[in-house]
Amino acid sequence: MKKRKSFPNVAELARGMTQSLMVVVILTAIALFIGVSGYHWLGRLSWVDSLLNASMILGGMGPVDILPNNAAKVFASLYALFSGLFFIAVMGLILGPITHMVMHKFHVDDEDIPKDSR
């Protein structure tokens, strides 16, 4: 019988959470840059107003300014859809280390998962 891996300790969980949060911060900065750029160049908003609108959409709150043309409105709708999916991906990254720890707690290993469901 194969010996199971020991339960992850707090230091391992903290390291995994730190790595996940670093990835989330980098991805959030990239997503925010995309939004700010789109609002600035397509929506003809100032940099500060573009930052406000992109932050509000990315945070799930909604737009602030009325957009002047159809290109800006299409961008805003696509950015809003992207932001919703981005939120789901970020939550997966943040909860990944916790889920890993829980799976170890219940002794779920790769060999316990049927091959056809991987």
Protein backbone atom coordinates (compact mmCIF):
# COMPACT_ATOMS: atom_id res chain seq x y z
CA MET A 1 0.00 0.00 0.00
CA LYS A 2 1.29 3.43 -0.95
CA LYS A 3 1.95 5.88 1.85
CA ARG A 4 -0.19 9.01 1.57
CA LYS A 5 1.30 12.46 1.56
CA SER A 6 1.09 14.30 4.84
CA PHE A 7 -1.43 17.07 5.38
CA PRO A 8 -0.12 20.47 4.19
CA ASN A 9 0.92 22.73 7.04
CA VAL A 10 0.15 26.41 7.50
CA ALA A 11 3.45 27.49 5.90
CA GLU A 12 2.67 25.53 2.72
CA LEU A 13 -0.83 27.01 2.58
CA ALA A 14 0.56 30.53 3.11
CA ARG A 15 3.11 30.00 0.34
CA GLY A 16 0.43 28.75 -2.05
CA MET A 17 -1.89 31.64 -1.19
CA THR A 18 0.95 34.16 -1.65
CA GLN A 19 1.80 32.74 -5.07
CA SER A 20 -1.85 32.79 -6.11
CA LEU A 21 -2.32 36.36 -4.92
CA MET A 22 0.78 37.51 -6.83
CA VAL A 23 -0.65 36.00 -10.02
CA VAL A 24 -4.02 37.63 -9.30
CA VAL A 25 -2.42 41.07 -8.81
CA ILE A 26 -0.52 40.79 -12.10
CA LEU A 27 -3.60 39.60 -14.02
CA THR A 28 -5.73 42.34 -12.46
CA ALA A 29 -3.20 45.00 -13.51
CA ILE A 30 -3.27 43.66 -17.09
CA ALA A 31 -7.08 43.55 -17.15
CA LEU A 32 -7.28 47.07 -15.74
CA PHE A 33 -4.78 48.32 -18.33
CA ILE A 34 -6.93 46.86 -21.13
CA GLY A 35 -10.02 48.58 -19.74
CA VAL A 36 -8.36 51.94 -19.15
CA SER A 37 -6.85 51.92 -22.64
CA GLY A 38 -10.15 51.05 -24.28
CA TYR A 39 -12.11 53.68 -22.41
CA HIS A 40 -9.45 56.30 -23.11
CA TRP A 41 -8.98 55.70 -26.84
CA LEU A 42 -12.42 54.44 -27.87
CA GLY A 43 -14.53 56.33 -25.35
CA ARG A 44 -12.45 59.51 -25.56
CA LEU A 45 -12.41 59.81 -21.77
CA SER A 46 -9.58 61.30 -19.72
CA TRP A 47 -7.13 58.88 -18.12
CA VAL A 48 -8.69 59.36 -14.68
CA ASP A 49 -12.24 58.85 -15.98
CA SER A 50 -11.05 55.81 -17.93
CA LEU A 51 -9.50 54.37 -14.77
CA LEU A 52 -12.72 54.99 -12.86
CA ASN A 53 -14.90 53.32 -15.49
CA ALA A 54 -12.57 50.34 -15.95
CA SER A 55 -12.27 49.86 -12.19
CA MET A 56 -16.02 50.00 -11.71
CA ILE A 57 -16.67 47.46 -14.48
CA LEU A 58 -13.87 45.14 -13.35
CA GLY A 59 -15.15 45.36 -9.78
CA GLY A 60 -18.68 44.47 -10.88
CA MET A 61 -20.29 47.83 -10.09
CA GLY A 62 -21.11 49.13 -13.57
CA PRO A 63 -20.15 52.06 -15.79
CA VAL A 64 -20.00 55.67 -14.62
CA ASP A 65 -19.84 57.80 -17.78
CA ILE A 66 -22.06 57.80 -20.86
CA LEU A 67 -20.05 56.69 -23.88
CA PRO A 68 -20.08 58.90 -26.99
CA ASN A 69 -19.97 56.38 -29.85
CA ASN A 70 -20.92 52.84 -30.81
CA ALA A 71 -17.32 51.54 -30.82
CA ALA A 72 -16.93 52.58 -27.18
CA LYS A 73 -20.25 50.96 -26.27
CA VAL A 74 -19.29 47.68 -27.95
CA PHE A 75 -15.93 47.77 -26.15
CA ALA A 76 -17.69 48.42 -22.83
CA SER A 77 -20.05 45.48 -23.33
CA LEU A 78 -17.19 43.12 -24.25
CA TYR A 79 -15.12 44.38 -21.33
CA ALA A 80 -18.05 43.78 -18.98
CA LEU A 81 -18.39 40.18 -20.21
CA PHE A 82 -14.63 39.71 -19.89
CA SER A 83 -14.76 41.12 -16.35
CA GLY A 84 -17.40 38.60 -15.29
CA LEU A 85 -15.31 35.69 -16.54
CA PHE A 86 -12.19 37.27 -15.06
CA PHE A 87 -13.85 37.32 -11.64
CA ILE A 88 -14.58 33.59 -11.88
CA ALA A 89 -10.97 32.84 -12.90
CA VAL A 90 -9.56 34.98 -10.08
CA MET A 91 -11.73 33.22 -7.52
CA GLY A 92 -10.44 29.88 -8.83
CA LEU A 93 -6.86 31.05 -8.40
CA ILE A 94 -7.50 32.33 -4.89
CA LEU A 95 -9.43 29.27 -3.74
CA GLY A 96 -7.05 26.77 -5.41
CA PRO A 97 -4.63 26.39 -2.49
CA ILE A 98 -7.50 26.10 -0.01
CA THR A 99 -9.20 23.45 -2.15
CA HIS A 100 -5.90 21.59 -2.41
CA MET A 101 -5.58 21.60 1.38
CA VAL A 102 -9.15 20.35 1.83
CA MET A 103 -8.56 17.54 -0.66
CA HIS A 104 -5.49 16.48 1.31
CA LYS A 105 -7.49 16.62 4.53
CA PHE A 106 -9.95 14.12 3.09
CA HIS A 107 -7.09 12.06 1.59
CA VAL A 108 -8.10 12.59 -2.04
CA ASP A 109 -5.16 11.63 -4.23
CA ASP A 110 -4.82 11.28 -7.99
CA GLU A 111 -5.17 7.52 -7.78
CA ASP A 112 -8.51 7.95 -5.99
CA ILE A 113 -10.02 9.77 -8.97
CA PRO A 114 -11.25 7.48 -11.78
CA LYS A 115 -9.15 7.82 -14.96
CA ASP A 116 -12.18 8.55 -17.16
CA SER A 117 -13.13 11.63 -15.11
CA ARG A 118 -9.71 13.36 -15.24
